[in-house]
Amino acid sequence: MNSASTPFVYADAGVNFVAETEGQTFSRGTSMKRRPGGYYELGAGYRVGLKTTALNFTVGYSYKGYKEHNYGIKHAPNKEPEENALLETTAYHLRRISLKFGFEF
């Protein structure tokens, strides 16, 4: 193992899939679908090399996004009710600052 101490940068990107929560209940005739969104993380860190191991310290920023579509019965004046119509779309943007500590062996 190299005992050098060095700074580094990192990046990660991909697709964020949202797991469905068990036990969700909806009004009669409504449903919800979640759509995957983007994910990325950027950061910088410092590796402190020891004799046979190393310690890593990082600080970073990450973003995850996804959309939630709610479907149901749409009522309009003087029209027949429309079933399984898109009622609402909500976009979620999850951002965070992270501090990480790692150990290499």
N, C-alpha and C. Protein backbone atom coordinates (compact mmCIF):
# COMPACT_ATOMS: atom_id res chain seq x y z
N MET A 1 0.85 -1.18 0.00
CA MET A 1 0.00 0.00 0.00
C MET A 1 0.89 1.23 0.00
N ASN A 2 0.52 2.19 -0.82
CA ASN A 2 1.24 3.44 -0.90
C ASN A 2 0.83 4.32 0.28
N SER A 3 1.79 4.89 0.98
CA SER A 3 1.47 5.70 2.15
C SER A 3 1.38 7.18 1.82
N ALA A 4 1.31 7.53 0.54
CA ALA A 4 1.22 8.95 0.15
C ALA A 4 -0.15 9.52 0.52
N SER A 5 -0.14 10.79 0.89
CA SER A 5 -1.39 11.50 1.17
C SER A 5 -1.67 12.41 -0.02
N THR A 6 -2.88 12.34 -0.57
CA THR A 6 -3.18 13.10 -1.77
C THR A 6 -4.62 13.62 -1.76
N PRO A 7 -4.85 14.77 -2.39
CA PRO A 7 -6.22 15.24 -2.59
C PRO A 7 -6.82 14.54 -3.82
N PHE A 8 -8.15 14.50 -3.91
CA PHE A 8 -8.80 13.90 -5.08
C PHE A 8 -10.18 14.52 -5.26
N VAL A 9 -10.74 14.35 -6.45
CA VAL A 9 -12.10 14.76 -6.75
C VAL A 9 -12.85 13.53 -7.24
N TYR A 10 -14.17 13.55 -7.13
CA TYR A 10 -14.97 12.43 -7.61
C TYR A 10 -16.28 12.92 -8.19
N ALA A 11 -16.85 12.11 -9.07
CA ALA A 11 -18.14 12.42 -9.68
C ALA A 11 -18.88 11.10 -9.89
N ASP A 12 -20.19 11.16 -9.79
CA ASP A 12 -21.04 9.99 -9.97
C ASP A 12 -22.34 10.47 -10.59
N ALA A 13 -22.91 9.67 -11.49
CA ALA A 13 -24.17 10.05 -12.13
C ALA A 13 -24.95 8.80 -12.49
N GLY A 14 -26.25 8.94 -12.61
CA GLY A 14 -27.07 7.79 -12.99
C GLY A 14 -28.54 8.11 -12.95
N VAL A 15 -29.33 7.05 -12.83
CA VAL A 15 -30.78 7.16 -12.79
C VAL A 15 -31.25 6.81 -11.39
N ASN A 16 -32.16 7.61 -10.87
CA ASN A 16 -32.72 7.42 -9.53
C ASN A 16 -34.09 6.75 -9.66
N PHE A 17 -34.21 5.50 -9.18
CA PHE A 17 -35.49 4.79 -9.19
C PHE A 17 -36.09 4.89 -7.79
N VAL A 18 -37.39 5.14 -7.72
CA VAL A 18 -38.07 5.31 -6.45
C VAL A 18 -38.83 4.04 -6.11
N ALA A 19 -38.59 3.50 -4.94
CA ALA A 19 -39.30 2.29 -4.50
C ALA A 19 -40.71 2.67 -4.04
N GLU A 20 -41.66 1.85 -4.40
CA GLU A 20 -43.04 2.08 -3.96
C GLU A 20 -43.18 1.71 -2.49
N THR A 21 -43.90 2.53 -1.76
CA THR A 21 -44.13 2.29 -0.35
C THR A 21 -45.30 1.33 -0.17
N GLU A 22 -45.10 0.30 0.64
CA GLU A 22 -46.18 -0.64 0.90
C GLU A 22 -47.22 0.00 1.82
N GLY A 23 -48.47 -0.38 1.63
CA GLY A 23 -49.52 0.08 2.51
C GLY A 23 -50.11 1.42 2.15
N GLN A 24 -49.75 1.99 0.98
CA GLN A 24 -50.34 3.26 0.58
C GLN A 24 -51.79 3.04 0.18
N THR A 25 -52.65 3.94 0.59
CA THR A 25 -54.06 3.84 0.21
C THR A 25 -54.45 5.10 -0.55
N PHE A 26 -55.36 4.94 -1.50
CA PHE A 26 -55.81 6.04 -2.33
C PHE A 26 -57.32 6.10 -2.28
N SER A 27 -57.87 7.23 -2.66
CA SER A 27 -59.32 7.37 -2.78
C SER A 27 -59.80 6.43 -3.87
N ARG A 28 -61.06 6.10 -3.82
CA ARG A 28 -61.64 5.23 -4.84
C ARG A 28 -61.43 5.85 -6.23
N GLY A 29 -60.88 5.06 -7.15
CA GLY A 29 -60.69 5.52 -8.52
C GLY A 29 -59.42 6.30 -8.78
N THR A 30 -58.52 6.40 -7.80
CA THR A 30 -57.27 7.13 -8.03
C THR A 30 -56.08 6.19 -7.96
N SER A 31 -55.00 6.59 -8.62
CA SER A 31 -53.75 5.83 -8.57
C SER A 31 -52.59 6.80 -8.70
N MET A 32 -51.39 6.30 -8.39
CA MET A 32 -50.20 7.12 -8.45
C MET A 32 -49.08 6.31 -9.09
N LYS A 33 -48.29 6.97 -9.93
CA LYS A 33 -47.12 6.33 -10.53
C LYS A 33 -45.93 7.25 -10.35
N ARG A 34 -44.81 6.67 -9.95
CA ARG A 34 -43.59 7.44 -9.80
C ARG A 34 -42.67 7.13 -10.98
N ARG A 35 -42.07 8.17 -11.52
CA ARG A 35 -41.17 8.03 -12.67
C ARG A 35 -39.74 8.28 -12.22
N PRO A 36 -38.79 7.50 -12.73
CA PRO A 36 -37.38 7.70 -12.36
C PRO A 36 -36.89 9.07 -12.80
N GLY A 37 -35.84 9.51 -12.16
CA GLY A 37 -35.24 10.80 -12.48
C GLY A 37 -33.73 10.70 -12.46
N GLY A 38 -33.09 11.81 -12.63
CA GLY A 38 -31.63 11.85 -12.66
C GLY A 38 -31.01 11.89 -11.28
N TYR A 39 -29.74 11.50 -11.24
CA TYR A 39 -28.96 11.51 -10.00
C TYR A 39 -27.54 11.93 -10.34
N TYR A 40 -26.94 12.79 -9.52
CA TYR A 40 -25.51 13.04 -9.66
C TYR A 40 -24.93 13.45 -8.31
N GLU A 41 -23.64 13.24 -8.19
CA GLU A 41 -22.91 13.64 -6.98
C GLU A 41 -21.52 14.09 -7.40
N LEU A 42 -21.08 15.20 -6.83
CA LEU A 42 -19.75 15.76 -7.08
C LEU A 42 -19.11 16.05 -5.74
N GLY A 43 -17.80 15.87 -5.66
CA GLY A 43 -17.15 16.17 -4.40
C GLY A 43 -15.64 16.18 -4.50
N ALA A 44 -15.03 16.52 -3.39
CA ALA A 44 -13.58 16.54 -3.27
C ALA A 44 -13.20 15.92 -1.94
N GLY A 45 -12.00 15.38 -1.89
CA GLY A 45 -11.58 14.74 -0.65
C GLY A 45 -10.07 14.72 -0.48
N TYR A 46 -9.67 14.11 0.60
CA TYR A 46 -8.25 13.98 0.91
C TYR A 46 -8.01 12.58 1.45
N ARG A 47 -7.01 11.92 0.88
CA ARG A 47 -6.62 10.57 1.31
C ARG A 47 -5.35 10.69 2.14
N VAL A 48 -5.42 10.16 3.37
CA VAL A 48 -4.27 10.15 4.27
C VAL A 48 -3.74 8.72 4.31
N GLY A 49 -2.58 8.52 3.68
CA GLY A 49 -1.99 7.19 3.63
C GLY A 49 -1.27 6.85 4.93
N LEU A 50 -1.49 5.64 5.39
CA LEU A 50 -0.79 5.11 6.56
C LEU A 50 0.09 3.96 6.08
N LYS A 51 0.71 3.21 6.96
CA LYS A 51 1.61 2.14 6.53
C LYS A 51 0.92 1.10 5.65
N THR A 52 -0.16 0.51 6.12
CA THR A 52 -0.84 -0.53 5.33
C THR A 52 -2.31 -0.20 5.07
N THR A 53 -2.75 0.94 5.54
CA THR A 53 -4.14 1.35 5.36
C THR A 53 -4.17 2.83 4.97
N ALA A 54 -5.36 3.36 4.80
CA ALA A 54 -5.51 4.79 4.50
C ALA A 54 -6.86 5.27 5.02
N LEU A 55 -6.93 6.55 5.28
CA LEU A 55 -8.17 7.20 5.69
C LEU A 55 -8.59 8.16 4.59
N ASN A 56 -9.89 8.23 4.30
CA ASN A 56 -10.42 9.14 3.30
C ASN A 56 -11.43 10.08 3.94
N PHE A 57 -11.34 11.36 3.61
CA PHE A 57 -12.29 12.37 4.07
C PHE A 57 -12.82 13.08 2.83
N THR A 58 -14.14 13.19 2.68
CA THR A 58 -14.70 13.87 1.51
C THR A 58 -15.84 14.81 1.92
N VAL A 59 -16.06 15.81 1.08
CA VAL A 59 -17.22 16.68 1.17
C VAL A 59 -17.79 16.75 -0.24
N GLY A 60 -19.12 16.66 -0.34
CA GLY A 60 -19.72 16.63 -1.66
C GLY A 60 -21.13 17.19 -1.68
N TYR A 61 -21.67 17.25 -2.89
CA TYR A 61 -23.03 17.73 -3.13
C TYR A 61 -23.72 16.70 -4.01
N SER A 62 -24.96 16.36 -3.68
CA SER A 62 -25.70 15.41 -4.52
C SER A 62 -27.10 15.93 -4.81
N TYR A 63 -27.64 15.47 -5.92
CA TYR A 63 -28.98 15.82 -6.37
C TYR A 63 -29.69 14.56 -6.85
N LYS A 64 -30.94 14.40 -6.45
CA LYS A 64 -31.80 13.33 -6.95
C LYS A 64 -33.14 13.97 -7.29
N GLY A 65 -33.73 13.54 -8.40
CA GLY A 65 -35.03 14.07 -8.78
C GLY A 65 -35.93 12.95 -9.29
N TYR A 66 -37.22 13.14 -9.13
CA TYR A 66 -38.20 12.21 -9.70
C TYR A 66 -39.54 12.91 -9.78
N LYS A 67 -40.46 12.31 -10.56
CA LYS A 67 -41.80 12.87 -10.72
C LYS A 67 -42.85 11.87 -10.25
N GLU A 68 -43.92 12.41 -9.73
CA GLU A 68 -45.04 11.61 -9.25
C GLU A 68 -46.28 12.06 -10.02
N HIS A 69 -46.94 11.10 -10.69
CA HIS A 69 -48.15 11.38 -11.47
C HIS A 69 -49.35 10.79 -10.75
N ASN A 70 -50.36 11.61 -10.51
CA ASN A 70 -51.60 11.16 -9.87
C ASN A 70 -52.71 11.09 -10.92
N TYR A 71 -53.34 9.92 -11.00
CA TYR A 71 -54.41 9.68 -11.96
C TYR A 71 -55.71 9.43 -11.22
N GLY A 72 -56.81 9.78 -11.86
CA GLY A 72 -58.11 9.54 -11.23
C GLY A 72 -59.24 9.91 -12.16
N ILE A 73 -60.40 10.10 -11.58
CA ILE A 73 -61.59 10.45 -12.35
C ILE A 73 -61.67 11.97 -12.44
N LYS A 74 -61.71 12.46 -13.67
CA LYS A 74 -61.77 13.90 -13.90
C LYS A 74 -63.21 14.29 -14.22
N HIS A 75 -63.73 15.23 -13.45
CA HIS A 75 -65.09 15.72 -13.65
C HIS A 75 -65.03 17.11 -14.26
N ALA A 76 -65.78 17.31 -15.33
CA ALA A 76 -65.86 18.62 -15.98
C ALA A 76 -67.33 18.95 -16.20
N PRO A 77 -67.69 20.22 -16.12
CA PRO A 77 -69.10 20.59 -16.32
C PRO A 77 -69.60 20.19 -17.71
N ASN A 78 -70.79 19.65 -17.76
CA ASN A 78 -71.46 19.26 -19.00
C ASN A 78 -70.70 18.19 -19.80
N LYS A 79 -69.88 17.39 -19.13
CA LYS A 79 -69.15 16.31 -19.81
C LYS A 79 -69.25 15.05 -18.96
N GLU A 80 -69.06 13.92 -19.62
CA GLU A 80 -68.99 12.64 -18.91
C GLU A 80 -67.69 12.60 -18.10
N PRO A 81 -67.69 11.97 -16.92
CA PRO A 81 -66.44 11.83 -16.16
C PRO A 81 -65.41 11.03 -16.96
N GLU A 82 -64.18 11.49 -16.92
CA GLU A 82 -63.08 10.81 -17.63
C GLU A 82 -62.30 9.99 -16.61
N GLU A 83 -62.24 8.68 -16.82
CA GLU A 83 -61.51 7.80 -15.90
C GLU A 83 -60.04 7.72 -16.28
N ASN A 84 -59.22 7.47 -15.28
CA ASN A 84 -57.77 7.31 -15.42
C ASN A 84 -57.13 8.52 -16.11
N ALA A 85 -57.58 9.71 -15.80
CA ALA A 85 -57.04 10.95 -16.35
C ALA A 85 -55.92 11.46 -15.45
N LEU A 86 -54.92 12.06 -16.06
CA LEU A 86 -53.83 12.66 -15.29
C LEU A 86 -54.37 13.89 -14.56
N LEU A 87 -54.37 13.84 -13.24
CA LEU A 87 -54.90 14.94 -12.43
C LEU A 87 -53.83 15.92 -11.99
N GLU A 88 -52.65 15.37 -11.66
CA GLU A 88 -51.60 16.23 -11.09
C GLU A 88 -50.24 15.58 -11.29
N THR A 89 -49.24 16.41 -11.55
CA THR A 89 -47.85 15.96 -11.62
C THR A 89 -47.05 16.78 -10.63
N THR A 90 -46.30 16.10 -9.79
CA THR A 90 -45.45 16.77 -8.80
C THR A 90 -44.01 16.37 -9.04
N ALA A 91 -43.11 17.33 -9.16
CA ALA A 91 -41.68 17.06 -9.33
C ALA A 91 -40.98 17.26 -7.99
N TYR A 92 -40.16 16.29 -7.62
CA TYR A 92 -39.39 16.37 -6.38
C TYR A 92 -37.92 16.55 -6.71
N HIS A 93 -37.26 17.46 -5.97
CA HIS A 93 -35.84 17.74 -6.14
C HIS A 93 -35.18 17.59 -4.78
N LEU A 94 -34.36 16.58 -4.63
CA LEU A 94 -33.71 16.29 -3.34
C LEU A 94 -32.23 16.64 -3.44
N ARG A 95 -31.80 17.59 -2.62
CA ARG A 95 -30.42 18.06 -2.64
C ARG A 95 -29.80 17.88 -1.26
N ARG A 96 -28.48 17.59 -1.25
CA ARG A 96 -27.83 17.46 0.05
C ARG A 96 -26.34 17.76 -0.06
N ILE A 97 -25.78 18.13 1.06
CA ILE A 97 -24.34 18.28 1.23
C ILE A 97 -23.92 17.08 2.08
N SER A 98 -22.87 16.39 1.67
CA SER A 98 -22.46 15.21 2.43
C SER A 98 -21.03 15.33 2.92
N LEU A 99 -20.81 14.78 4.08
CA LEU A 99 -19.47 14.63 4.65
C LEU A 99 -19.27 13.14 4.85
N LYS A 100 -18.17 12.60 4.30
CA LYS A 100 -17.94 11.15 4.40
C LYS A 100 -16.56 10.88 4.95
N PHE A 101 -16.49 9.77 5.63
CA PHE A 101 -15.24 9.29 6.20
C PHE A 101 -15.10 7.83 5.75
N GLY A 102 -13.93 7.48 5.22
CA GLY A 102 -13.72 6.11 4.76
C GLY A 102 -12.41 5.53 5.25
N PHE A 103 -12.34 4.22 5.23
CA PHE A 103 -11.17 3.49 5.70
C PHE A 103 -10.78 2.47 4.63
N GLU A 104 -9.54 2.55 4.13
CA GLU A 104 -9.03 1.59 3.15
C GLU A 104 -8.15 0.56 3.85
N PHE A 105 -8.33 -0.69 3.44
CA PHE A 105 -7.44 -1.74 4.00
C PHE A 105 -7.08 -2.72 2.93
